[in-house]
């Protein structure tokens, strides 16, 4: 059986795309850059995401080590999602995407 590392594409760009290359994962990471979020907060903020897609995306990113899931022993239980230490290293990628997106918007409106 292959290890997780052996399953990743050889190309580093393809690896990044495999880990965060869908719309919802990018938007989840965008939100988690600000602060930890609860599941329902994320679902309300990400207009159009289904509960299943959000659940699957969060589980996948947790398994990949990009986010952490913290369960608080309260009634009712409270669960928060946050960027992990590894996930924090993606901050410059998202920051660059934000800068580029703003530049693009400016360019097409001038």
C-alpha atoms as a PDB file:
ATOM      1  CA  UNK A   1       0.000   0.000   0.000  1.00  0.00           C
ATOM      2  CA  UNK A   2       1.315   3.425  -0.950  1.00  0.00           C
ATOM      3  CA  UNK A   3       1.986   6.106   1.634  1.00  0.00           C
ATOM      4  CA  UNK A   4       0.201   9.445   1.486  1.00  0.00           C
ATOM      5  CA  UNK A   5       3.364  11.077   0.120  1.00  0.00           C
ATOM      6  CA  UNK A   6       3.586   8.494  -2.669  1.00  0.00           C
ATOM      7  CA  UNK A   7       0.002   9.279  -3.711  1.00  0.00           C
ATOM      8  CA  UNK A   8       0.744  12.959  -4.265  1.00  0.00           C
ATOM      9  CA  UNK A   9       1.543  14.212  -7.766  1.00  0.00           C
ATOM     10  CA  UNK A  10       5.212  14.668  -8.645  1.00  0.00           C
ATOM     11  CA  UNK A  11       4.623  18.285  -9.647  1.00  0.00           C
ATOM     12  CA  UNK A  12       4.494  20.606  -6.604  1.00  0.00           C
ATOM     13  CA  UNK A  13       1.894  22.864  -8.239  1.00  0.00           C
ATOM     14  CA  UNK A  14      -0.317  19.828  -8.879  1.00  0.00           C
ATOM     15  CA  UNK A  15       0.131  18.823  -5.220  1.00  0.00           C
ATOM     16  CA  UNK A  16      -1.085  22.239  -4.074  1.00  0.00           C
ATOM     17  CA  UNK A  17      -4.029  22.091  -6.471  1.00  0.00           C
ATOM     18  CA  UNK A  18      -4.924  18.615  -5.212  1.00  0.00           C
ATOM     19  CA  UNK A  19      -4.931  19.840  -1.603  1.00  0.00           C
ATOM     20  CA  UNK A  20      -6.768  23.161  -1.992  1.00  0.00           C
ATOM     21  CA  UNK A  21      -7.734  23.373  -5.636  1.00  0.00           C
ATOM     22  CA  UNK A  22     -11.472  23.448  -5.320  1.00  0.00           C
ATOM     23  CA  UNK A  23     -13.620  26.500  -4.754  1.00  0.00           C
ATOM     24  CA  UNK A  24     -14.901  25.481  -1.342  1.00  0.00           C
ATOM     25  CA  UNK A  25     -11.557  24.541   0.202  1.00  0.00           C
ATOM     26  CA  UNK A  26     -10.072  27.865  -0.858  1.00  0.00           C
ATOM     27  CA  UNK A  27     -13.004  29.775   0.613  1.00  0.00           C
ATOM     28  CA  UNK A  28     -12.874  27.769   3.853  1.00  0.00           C
ATOM     29  CA  UNK A  29      -9.169  28.568   4.195  1.00  0.00           C
ATOM     30  CA  UNK A  30      -9.923  32.219   3.393  1.00  0.00           C
ATOM     31  CA  UNK A  31     -12.302  32.323   6.352  1.00  0.00           C
ATOM     32  CA  UNK A  32     -10.013  30.419   8.695  1.00  0.00           C
ATOM     33  CA  UNK A  33      -7.272  32.989   8.034  1.00  0.00           C
ATOM     34  CA  UNK A  34      -9.360  35.412  10.118  1.00  0.00           C
ATOM     35  CA  UNK A  35     -10.154  33.252  13.159  1.00  0.00           C
ATOM     36  CA  UNK A  36     -11.463  29.833  14.205  1.00  0.00           C
ATOM     37  CA  UNK A  37     -14.982  29.128  12.918  1.00  0.00           C
ATOM     38  CA  UNK A  38     -17.773  26.802  13.953  1.00  0.00           C
ATOM     39  CA  UNK A  39     -19.399  24.523  11.372  1.00  0.00           C
ATOM     40  CA  UNK A  40     -22.698  26.442  11.198  1.00  0.00           C
ATOM     41  CA  UNK A  41     -20.881  29.777  10.890  1.00  0.00           C
ATOM     42  CA  UNK A  42     -18.929  28.467   7.909  1.00  0.00           C
ATOM     43  CA  UNK A  43     -22.040  27.034   6.285  1.00  0.00           C
ATOM     44  CA  UNK A  44     -23.924  30.325   6.635  1.00  0.00           C
ATOM     45  CA  UNK A  45     -20.965  32.355   5.345  1.00  0.00           C
ATOM     46  CA  UNK A  46     -20.250  30.120   2.337  1.00  0.00           C
ATOM     47  CA  UNK A  47     -23.370  30.767   0.312  1.00  0.00           C
ATOM     48  CA  UNK A  48     -24.385  27.700  -1.658  1.00  0.00           C
ATOM     49  CA  UNK A  49     -22.263  25.067   0.076  1.00  0.00           C
ATOM     50  CA  UNK A  50     -24.110  21.947   1.129  1.00  0.00           C
ATOM     51  CA  UNK A  51     -23.666  20.341   4.532  1.00  0.00           C
ATOM     52  CA  UNK A  52     -22.151  17.262   2.872  1.00  0.00           C
ATOM     53  CA  UNK A  53     -19.607  19.218   0.828  1.00  0.00           C
ATOM     54  CA  UNK A  54     -18.598  21.288   3.861  1.00  0.00           C
ATOM     55  CA  UNK A  55     -18.256  18.168   6.007  1.00  0.00           C
ATOM     56  CA  UNK A  56     -16.237  16.352   3.327  1.00  0.00           C
ATOM     57  CA  UNK A  57     -13.990  19.376   2.729  1.00  0.00           C
ATOM     58  CA  UNK A  58     -13.301  19.894   6.429  1.00  0.00           C
ATOM     59  CA  UNK A  59     -12.549  16.192   6.956  1.00  0.00           C
ATOM     60  CA  UNK A  60     -10.238  16.126   3.950  1.00  0.00           C
ATOM     61  CA  UNK A  61      -8.331  19.238   5.037  1.00  0.00           C
ATOM     62  CA  UNK A  62      -8.050  17.882   8.581  1.00  0.00           C
ATOM     63  CA  UNK A  63      -6.685  14.569   7.241  1.00  0.00           C
ATOM     64  CA  UNK A  64      -4.191  16.522   5.109  1.00  0.00           C
ATOM     65  CA  UNK A  65      -3.041  18.426   8.209  1.00  0.00           C
ATOM     66  CA  UNK A  66      -4.189  21.843   6.965  1.00  0.00           C
ATOM     67  CA  UNK A  67      -6.791  22.499   9.662  1.00  0.00           C
ATOM     68  CA  UNK A  68      -7.465  21.450  13.227  1.00  0.00           C
ATOM     69  CA  UNK A  69     -10.781  20.425  14.724  1.00  0.00           C
ATOM     70  CA  UNK A  70     -11.238  21.205  18.408  1.00  0.00           C
ATOM     71  CA  UNK A  71     -14.158  19.724  20.332  1.00  0.00           C
ATOM     72  CA  UNK A  72     -15.077  21.494  23.560  1.00  0.00           C
ATOM     73  CA  UNK A  73     -16.703  19.430  26.318  1.00  0.00           C
ATOM     74  CA  UNK A  74     -19.824  21.526  26.635  1.00  0.00           C
ATOM     75  CA  UNK A  75     -23.531  20.881  26.328  1.00  0.00           C
ATOM     76  CA  UNK A  76     -24.299  21.136  23.490  1.00  0.00           C
ATOM     77  CA  UNK A  77     -20.813  20.223  22.200  1.00  0.00           C
ATOM     78  CA  UNK A  78     -18.938  23.053  20.512  1.00  0.00           C
ATOM     79  CA  UNK A  79     -16.565  22.301  17.650  1.00  0.00           C
ATOM     80  CA  UNK A  80     -14.220  24.856  16.121  1.00  0.00           C
ATOM     81  CA  UNK A  81     -12.088  24.638  13.017  1.00  0.00           C
ATOM     82  CA  UNK A  82      -8.849  26.591  12.659  1.00  0.00           C
ATOM     83  CA  UNK A  83      -5.792  26.608  10.450  1.00  0.00           C
ATOM     84  CA  UNK A  84      -3.122  24.237  11.706  1.00  0.00           C
ATOM     85  CA  UNK A  85       0.529  25.234  11.872  1.00  0.00           C
ATOM     86  CA  UNK A  86       0.933  23.690   8.408  1.00  0.00           C
ATOM     87  CA  UNK A  87      -2.215  25.453   7.197  1.00  0.00           C
ATOM     88  CA  UNK A  88      -0.807  28.787   8.392  1.00  0.00           C
ATOM     89  CA  UNK A  89       2.073  28.323   5.938  1.00  0.00           C
ATOM     90  CA  UNK A  90      -0.510  28.721   3.161  1.00  0.00           C
ATOM     91  CA  UNK A  91      -1.285  32.264   4.284  1.00  0.00           C
ATOM     92  CA  UNK A  92       1.145  33.865   1.753  1.00  0.00           C
ATOM     93  CA  UNK A  93      -0.522  31.940  -1.086  1.00  0.00           C
ATOM     94  CA  UNK A  94      -3.968  33.262  -0.140  1.00  0.00           C
ATOM     95  CA  UNK A  95      -2.568  36.750   0.485  1.00  0.00           C
ATOM     96  CA  UNK A  96      -1.020  36.723  -3.013  1.00  0.00           C
ATOM     97  CA  UNK A  97      -4.332  35.547  -4.497  1.00  0.00           C
ATOM     98  CA  UNK A  98      -6.104  38.425  -2.734  1.00  0.00           C
ATOM     99  CA  UNK A  99      -3.610  40.988  -4.072  1.00  0.00           C
ATOM    100  CA  UNK A 100      -3.841  39.564  -7.575  1.00  0.00           C
ATOM    101  CA  UNK A 101      -7.643  39.484  -7.455  1.00  0.00           C
ATOM    102  CA  UNK A 102      -7.778  43.126  -6.406  1.00  0.00           C
ATOM    103  CA  UNK A 103      -5.298  44.094  -9.160  1.00  0.00           C
ATOM    104  CA  UNK A 104      -7.336  42.226 -11.742  1.00  0.00           C
ATOM    105  CA  UNK A 105     -10.550  43.916 -10.652  1.00  0.00           C
ATOM    106  CA  UNK A 106      -8.833  47.326 -10.874  1.00  0.00           C
ATOM    107  CA  UNK A 107      -7.417  46.542 -14.315  1.00  0.00           C
ATOM    108  CA  UNK A 108     -10.734  45.549 -15.860  1.00  0.00           C
ATOM    109  CA  UNK A 109     -12.513  48.597 -14.414  1.00  0.00           C
ATOM    110  CA  UNK A 110     -10.022  51.128 -15.802  1.00  0.00           C
END
